[in-house]
C-alpha atoms as a PDB file:
ATOM      1  CA  UNK A   1      50.753  48.533   4.759  1.00  0.00           C
ATOM      2  CA  UNK A   2      51.594  51.472   6.693  1.00  0.00           C
ATOM      3  CA  UNK A   3      50.560  55.301   5.258  1.00  0.00           C
ATOM      4  CA  UNK A   4      53.560  57.489   4.500  1.00  0.00           C
ATOM      5  CA  UNK A   5      53.530  61.114   5.787  1.00  0.00           C
ATOM      6  CA  UNK A   6      52.776  61.688   1.783  1.00  0.00           C
ATOM      7  CA  UNK A   7      50.023  59.284   2.171  1.00  0.00           C
ATOM      8  CA  UNK A   8      48.361  61.239   5.250  1.00  0.00           C
ATOM      9  CA  UNK A   9      48.711  64.409   3.829  1.00  0.00           C
ATOM     10  CA  UNK A  10      47.564  62.897   0.472  1.00  0.00           C
ATOM     11  CA  UNK A  11      43.961  61.940   2.205  1.00  0.00           C
ATOM     12  CA  UNK A  12      44.008  65.645   4.127  1.00  0.00           C
ATOM     13  CA  UNK A  13      44.299  67.469   0.591  1.00  0.00           C
ATOM     14  CA  UNK A  14      41.572  65.127  -0.631  1.00  0.00           C
ATOM     15  CA  UNK A  15      39.454  66.578   1.614  1.00  0.00           C
ATOM     16  CA  UNK A  16      38.958  63.715   4.574  1.00  0.00           C
ATOM     17  CA  UNK A  17      39.142  65.298   7.896  1.00  0.00           C
ATOM     18  CA  UNK A  18      41.611  62.278   9.243  1.00  0.00           C
ATOM     19  CA  UNK A  19      42.927  64.454  12.218  1.00  0.00           C
ATOM     20  CA  UNK A  20      41.316  67.491  13.662  1.00  0.00           C
ATOM     21  CA  UNK A  21      42.884  70.037  14.324  1.00  0.00           C
ATOM     22  CA  UNK A  22      45.635  69.064  12.358  1.00  0.00           C
ATOM     23  CA  UNK A  23      49.358  70.477  12.706  1.00  0.00           C
ATOM     24  CA  UNK A  24      51.834  69.584  10.452  1.00  0.00           C
ATOM     25  CA  UNK A  25      54.847  69.938  13.019  1.00  0.00           C
ATOM     26  CA  UNK A  26      53.118  66.797  14.435  1.00  0.00           C
ATOM     27  CA  UNK A  27      53.197  64.700  11.316  1.00  0.00           C
ATOM     28  CA  UNK A  28      56.257  62.170  11.285  1.00  0.00           C
ATOM     29  CA  UNK A  29      57.164  59.852   8.408  1.00  0.00           C
ATOM     30  CA  UNK A  30      54.653  57.029   8.795  1.00  0.00           C
ATOM     31  CA  UNK A  31      52.706  58.545  12.118  1.00  0.00           C
ATOM     32  CA  UNK A  32      50.636  61.755  13.740  1.00  0.00           C
ATOM     33  CA  UNK A  33      51.752  62.801  17.321  1.00  0.00           C
ATOM     34  CA  UNK A  34      48.858  62.819  19.314  1.00  0.00           C
ATOM     35  CA  UNK A  35      48.295  65.364  22.264  1.00  0.00           C
ATOM     36  CA  UNK A  36      46.727  65.413  25.699  1.00  0.00           C
ATOM     37  CA  UNK A  37      43.607  67.732  25.919  1.00  0.00           C
ATOM     38  CA  UNK A  38      42.377  69.206  29.108  1.00  0.00           C
ATOM     39  CA  UNK A  39      40.995  66.254  30.970  1.00  0.00           C
ATOM     40  CA  UNK A  40      41.765  63.044  32.751  1.00  0.00           C
ATOM     41  CA  UNK A  41      39.816  60.810  34.711  1.00  0.00           C
ATOM     42  CA  UNK A  42      41.491  59.003  37.323  1.00  0.00           C
ATOM     43  CA  UNK A  43      40.255  55.480  38.308  1.00  0.00           C
ATOM     44  CA  UNK A  44      39.269  55.424  41.936  1.00  0.00           C
ATOM     45  CA  UNK A  45      38.873  52.277  44.107  1.00  0.00           C
ATOM     46  CA  UNK A  46      35.025  52.027  44.955  1.00  0.00           C
ATOM     47  CA  UNK A  47      35.063  48.393  45.678  1.00  0.00           C
ATOM     48  CA  UNK A  48      36.953  45.354  46.122  1.00  0.00           C
ATOM     49  CA  UNK A  49      35.841  43.414  43.318  1.00  0.00           C
ATOM     50  CA  UNK A  50      35.192  44.996  39.675  1.00  0.00           C
ATOM     51  CA  UNK A  51      32.125  43.323  37.945  1.00  0.00           C
ATOM     52  CA  UNK A  52      31.684  43.603  34.631  1.00  0.00           C
ATOM     53  CA  UNK A  53      27.742  43.434  34.833  1.00  0.00           C
ATOM     54  CA  UNK A  54      27.413  46.416  37.299  1.00  0.00           C
ATOM     55  CA  UNK A  55      27.829  49.233  34.492  1.00  0.00           C
ATOM     56  CA  UNK A  56      26.613  51.828  37.034  1.00  0.00           C
ATOM     57  CA  UNK A  57      29.639  51.048  39.460  1.00  0.00           C
ATOM     58  CA  UNK A  58      32.316  51.126  36.630  1.00  0.00           C
ATOM     59  CA  UNK A  59      30.882  54.921  35.698  1.00  0.00           C
ATOM     60  CA  UNK A  60      31.633  55.531  39.369  1.00  0.00           C
ATOM     61  CA  UNK A  61      34.922  54.761  39.436  1.00  0.00           C
ATOM     62  CA  UNK A  62      36.181  57.345  37.231  1.00  0.00           C
ATOM     63  CA  UNK A  63      36.862  60.710  38.763  1.00  0.00           C
ATOM     64  CA  UNK A  64      37.151  63.712  36.111  1.00  0.00           C
ATOM     65  CA  UNK A  65      40.343  65.996  36.803  1.00  0.00           C
ATOM     66  CA  UNK A  66      40.800  69.186  34.830  1.00  0.00           C
ATOM     67  CA  UNK A  67      44.670  69.487  33.741  1.00  0.00           C
ATOM     68  CA  UNK A  68      44.824  72.694  32.093  1.00  0.00           C
ATOM     69  CA  UNK A  69      47.080  73.740  35.400  1.00  0.00           C
ATOM     70  CA  UNK A  70      48.508  70.461  35.322  1.00  0.00           C
ATOM     71  CA  UNK A  71      48.781  66.961  36.709  1.00  0.00           C
ATOM     72  CA  UNK A  72      50.804  64.943  38.579  1.00  0.00           C
ATOM     73  CA  UNK A  73      50.242  60.964  38.133  1.00  0.00           C
ATOM     74  CA  UNK A  74      51.704  59.296  41.310  1.00  0.00           C
ATOM     75  CA  UNK A  75      53.569  55.926  41.043  1.00  0.00           C
ATOM     76  CA  UNK A  76      51.239  52.949  40.416  1.00  0.00           C
ATOM     77  CA  UNK A  77      48.318  55.207  38.829  1.00  0.00           C
ATOM     78  CA  UNK A  78      46.304  54.306  36.043  1.00  0.00           C
ATOM     79  CA  UNK A  79      44.481  57.282  34.213  1.00  0.00           C
ATOM     80  CA  UNK A  80      42.294  57.458  31.163  1.00  0.00           C
ATOM     81  CA  UNK A  81      43.332  60.626  29.233  1.00  0.00           C
ATOM     82  CA  UNK A  82      41.105  62.362  26.660  1.00  0.00           C
ATOM     83  CA  UNK A  83      43.195  63.499  23.596  1.00  0.00           C
ATOM     84  CA  UNK A  84      43.086  66.812  21.877  1.00  0.00           C
ATOM     85  CA  UNK A  85      42.396  65.379  18.231  1.00  0.00           C
ATOM     86  CA  UNK A  86      39.405  64.028  16.837  1.00  0.00           C
ATOM     87  CA  UNK A  87      39.953  60.994  14.497  1.00  0.00           C
ATOM     88  CA  UNK A  88      38.073  60.118  11.451  1.00  0.00           C
ATOM     89  CA  UNK A  89      39.233  56.987   9.854  1.00  0.00           C
ATOM     90  CA  UNK A  90      38.007  56.450   6.692  1.00  0.00           C
ATOM     91  CA  UNK A  91      36.383  52.677   5.008  1.00  0.00           C
ATOM     92  CA  UNK A  92      39.965  51.355   4.200  1.00  0.00           C
ATOM     93  CA  UNK A  93      41.983  52.130   6.714  1.00  0.00           C
ATOM     94  CA  UNK A  94      42.528  51.267  10.156  1.00  0.00           C
ATOM     95  CA  UNK A  95      44.922  52.768  13.158  1.00  0.00           C
ATOM     96  CA  UNK A  96      47.204  51.814  15.884  1.00  0.00           C
ATOM     97  CA  UNK A  97      47.979  54.509  18.847  1.00  0.00           C
ATOM     98  CA  UNK A  98      51.373  53.668  20.318  1.00  0.00           C
ATOM     99  CA  UNK A  99      53.633  55.295  23.083  1.00  0.00           C
ATOM    100  CA  UNK A 100      56.354  57.506  22.112  1.00  0.00           C
ATOM    101  CA  UNK A 101      59.632  55.405  23.369  1.00  0.00           C
ATOM    102  CA  UNK A 102      60.470  59.150  25.886  1.00  0.00           C
ATOM    103  CA  UNK A 103      57.746  58.105  28.263  1.00  0.00           C
ATOM    104  CA  UNK A 104      58.163  54.564  27.776  1.00  0.00           C
ATOM    105  CA  UNK A 105      61.899  55.206  28.843  1.00  0.00           C
ATOM    106  CA  UNK A 106      60.805  57.288  31.746  1.00  0.00           C
ATOM    107  CA  UNK A 107      58.462  54.748  32.751  1.00  0.00           C
ATOM    108  CA  UNK A 108      55.098  56.088  31.635  1.00  0.00           C
ATOM    109  CA  UNK A 109      53.297  53.593  29.618  1.00  0.00           C
ATOM    110  CA  UNK A 110      50.806  54.186  27.465  1.00  0.00           C
ATOM    111  CA  UNK A 111      47.858  51.511  26.706  1.00  0.00           C
ATOM    112  CA  UNK A 112      47.913  50.609  22.793  1.00  0.00           C
ATOM    113  CA  UNK A 113      44.470  51.479  21.222  1.00  0.00           C
ATOM    114  CA  UNK A 114      43.435  49.720  18.148  1.00  0.00           C
ATOM    115  CA  UNK A 115      40.638  51.386  15.916  1.00  0.00           C
ATOM    116  CA  UNK A 116      38.919  50.164  13.330  1.00  0.00           C
ATOM    117  CA  UNK A 117      37.861  51.140   9.619  1.00  0.00           C
ATOM    118  CA  UNK A 118      35.401  54.102   9.889  1.00  0.00           C
ATOM    119  CA  UNK A 119      35.739  54.845  13.673  1.00  0.00           C
ATOM    120  CA  UNK A 120      34.876  58.401  14.563  1.00  0.00           C
ATOM    121  CA  UNK A 121      35.730  60.244  17.722  1.00  0.00           C
ATOM    122  CA  UNK A 122      37.932  61.507  20.438  1.00  0.00           C
ATOM    123  CA  UNK A 123      40.043  58.509  21.978  1.00  0.00           C
ATOM    124  CA  UNK A 124      41.065  57.990  25.608  1.00  0.00           C
ATOM    125  CA  UNK A 125      44.159  56.968  25.999  1.00  0.00           C
ATOM    126  CA  UNK A 126      45.290  54.920  29.148  1.00  0.00           C
ATOM    127  CA  UNK A 127      48.472  55.932  30.880  1.00  0.00           C
ATOM    128  CA  UNK A 128      50.155  54.260  33.708  1.00  0.00           C
ATOM    129  CA  UNK A 129      52.741  54.954  35.776  1.00  0.00           C
ATOM    130  CA  UNK A 130      55.171  52.294  35.859  1.00  0.00           C
ATOM    131  CA  UNK A 131      58.196  54.239  37.500  1.00  0.00           C
ATOM    132  CA  UNK A 132      59.018  54.849  41.639  1.00  0.00           C
ATOM    133  CA  UNK A 133      58.537  58.999  40.396  1.00  0.00           C
ATOM    134  CA  UNK A 134      55.657  61.398  40.492  1.00  0.00           C
ATOM    135  CA  UNK A 135      54.813  62.589  36.812  1.00  0.00           C
ATOM    136  CA  UNK A 136      53.472  65.577  35.373  1.00  0.00           C
ATOM    137  CA  UNK A 137      51.442  66.177  32.816  1.00  0.00           C
ATOM    138  CA  UNK A 138      50.236  69.014  31.163  1.00  0.00           C
ATOM    139  CA  UNK A 139      47.365  69.688  28.644  1.00  0.00           C
ATOM    140  CA  UNK A 140      48.826  69.584  25.022  1.00  0.00           C
ATOM    141  CA  UNK A 141      51.616  67.418  25.745  1.00  0.00           C
ATOM    142  CA  UNK A 142      52.172  65.081  22.683  1.00  0.00           C
ATOM    143  CA  UNK A 143      52.081  61.635  24.941  1.00  0.00           C
ATOM    144  CA  UNK A 144      51.158  59.286  21.729  1.00  0.00           C
ATOM    145  CA  UNK A 145      51.804  58.243  18.253  1.00  0.00           C
ATOM    146  CA  UNK A 146      49.158  57.375  16.068  1.00  0.00           C
ATOM    147  CA  UNK A 147      49.819  54.949  12.661  1.00  0.00           C
ATOM    148  CA  UNK A 148      47.695  54.590   9.622  1.00  0.00           C
ATOM    149  CA  UNK A 149      47.305  50.988   8.098  1.00  0.00           C
ATOM    150  CA  UNK A 150      45.512  50.618   4.953  1.00  0.00           C
ATOM    151  CA  UNK A 151      43.557  47.249   4.110  1.00  0.00           C
ATOM    152  CA  UNK A 152      43.860  44.853   1.434  1.00  0.00           C
ATOM    153  CA  UNK A 153      40.478  45.264   0.406  1.00  0.00           C
ATOM    154  CA  UNK A 154      37.515  46.819   1.368  1.00  0.00           C
ATOM    155  CA  UNK A 155      35.579  45.438   4.152  1.00  0.00           C
ATOM    156  CA  UNK A 156      31.880  44.089   4.130  1.00  0.00           C
ATOM    157  CA  UNK A 157      29.581  47.312   5.054  1.00  0.00           C
ATOM    158  CA  UNK A 158      27.772  45.739   7.968  1.00  0.00           C
ATOM    159  CA  UNK A 159      31.161  44.794   9.481  1.00  0.00           C
ATOM    160  CA  UNK A 160      32.488  48.404   9.661  1.00  0.00           C
ATOM    161  CA  UNK A 161      32.544  49.751  13.003  1.00  0.00           C
ATOM    162  CA  UNK A 162      30.024  52.649  12.422  1.00  0.00           C
ATOM    163  CA  UNK A 163      27.068  50.579  11.757  1.00  0.00           C
ATOM    164  CA  UNK A 164      28.068  48.195  14.573  1.00  0.00           C
ATOM    165  CA  UNK A 165      25.442  47.750  17.126  1.00  0.00           C
ATOM    166  CA  UNK A 166      28.218  47.495  19.311  1.00  0.00           C
ATOM    167  CA  UNK A 167      30.168  50.550  18.383  1.00  0.00           C
ATOM    168  CA  UNK A 168      30.037  52.139  21.600  1.00  0.00           C
ATOM    169  CA  UNK A 169      32.588  54.884  21.465  1.00  0.00           C
ATOM    170  CA  UNK A 170      31.654  55.679  17.613  1.00  0.00           C
ATOM    171  CA  UNK A 171      31.745  59.535  17.544  1.00  0.00           C
ATOM    172  CA  UNK A 172      32.778  60.198  21.148  1.00  0.00           C
ATOM    173  CA  UNK A 173      33.339  63.604  21.790  1.00  0.00           C
ATOM    174  CA  UNK A 174      33.044  63.581  26.280  1.00  0.00           C
ATOM    175  CA  UNK A 175      34.765  61.261  28.327  1.00  0.00           C
ATOM    176  CA  UNK A 176      33.715  57.591  28.220  1.00  0.00           C
ATOM    177  CA  UNK A 177      34.926  55.321  30.251  1.00  0.00           C
ATOM    178  CA  UNK A 178      34.447  51.191  29.852  1.00  0.00           C
ATOM    179  CA  UNK A 179      31.566  50.171  28.446  1.00  0.00           C
ATOM    180  CA  UNK A 180      29.872  46.771  28.905  1.00  0.00           C
ATOM    181  CA  UNK A 181      26.214  46.339  27.618  1.00  0.00           C
ATOM    182  CA  UNK A 182      23.957  43.311  27.650  1.00  0.00           C
ATOM    183  CA  UNK A 183      25.557  42.105  24.456  1.00  0.00           C
ATOM    184  CA  UNK A 184      29.347  42.667  25.739  1.00  0.00           C
ATOM    185  CA  UNK A 185      29.047  39.505  28.122  1.00  0.00           C
ATOM    186  CA  UNK A 186      27.786  36.100  27.111  1.00  0.00           C
ATOM    187  CA  UNK A 187      24.870  34.381  28.570  1.00  0.00           C
ATOM    188  CA  UNK A 188      26.688  32.340  30.450  1.00  0.00           C
ATOM    189  CA  UNK A 189      28.466  34.639  31.902  1.00  0.00           C
ATOM    190  CA  UNK A 190      26.074  37.252  32.586  1.00  0.00           C
ATOM    191  CA  UNK A 191      24.714  34.535  35.048  1.00  0.00           C
ATOM    192  CA  UNK A 192      28.139  33.639  36.297  1.00  0.00           C
ATOM    193  CA  UNK A 193      28.461  37.079  37.366  1.00  0.00           C
ATOM    194  CA  UNK A 194      24.665  37.277  38.532  1.00  0.00           C
ATOM    195  CA  UNK A 195      25.374  34.468  40.927  1.00  0.00           C
ATOM    196  CA  UNK A 196      28.474  35.832  42.496  1.00  0.00           C
ATOM    197  CA  UNK A 197      26.593  39.032  43.352  1.00  0.00           C
ATOM    198  CA  UNK A 198      23.899  36.866  44.921  1.00  0.00           C
ATOM    199  CA  UNK A 199      26.573  35.096  47.065  1.00  0.00           C
ATOM    200  CA  UNK A 200      28.170  38.441  47.988  1.00  0.00           C
ATOM    201  CA  UNK A 201      24.756  39.916  49.427  1.00  0.00           C
ATOM    202  CA  UNK A 202      23.516  36.771  50.930  1.00  0.00           C
END
């Protein structure tokens, strides 16, 4: 079940920092508008093939861009954008980040995200310019919306995101790109990646 504006406000009034900073004007009937922060990360081509086993190469593919003076996203360009708000989910609430209709109609697509219960941090949103035009973005633009989903019952404590050993994005406050730790790939998948790399270097 989605939380209404009354449910969201009730959590805030009860002392839970669900969204920080909170602006009443951005609260809709069953969602909250998220705004662009001061930085995006453009993804640049560093190699012809991306191997998930090479974390250092993945990290080097992101180029931080300050957007306090605005930025142009070109046709076909994909960027990760930091939002201004920190989301702090309680144990009995999940969340989905979805596009705002006006941007979809413009051709700017927002990659949908799902946040597990107990997630806390400042999300990075994937933005893709599917239009034939340059699109200008500025800090503070209300770029997406977040909806909150109540669970039918409390989850198992060890299954909560904050307690997971693979919760690499928990408490993120600065930019973080795609993370693939040793436990992100099965043993078989890692063997295949290693073999492919050896063939390339041969």
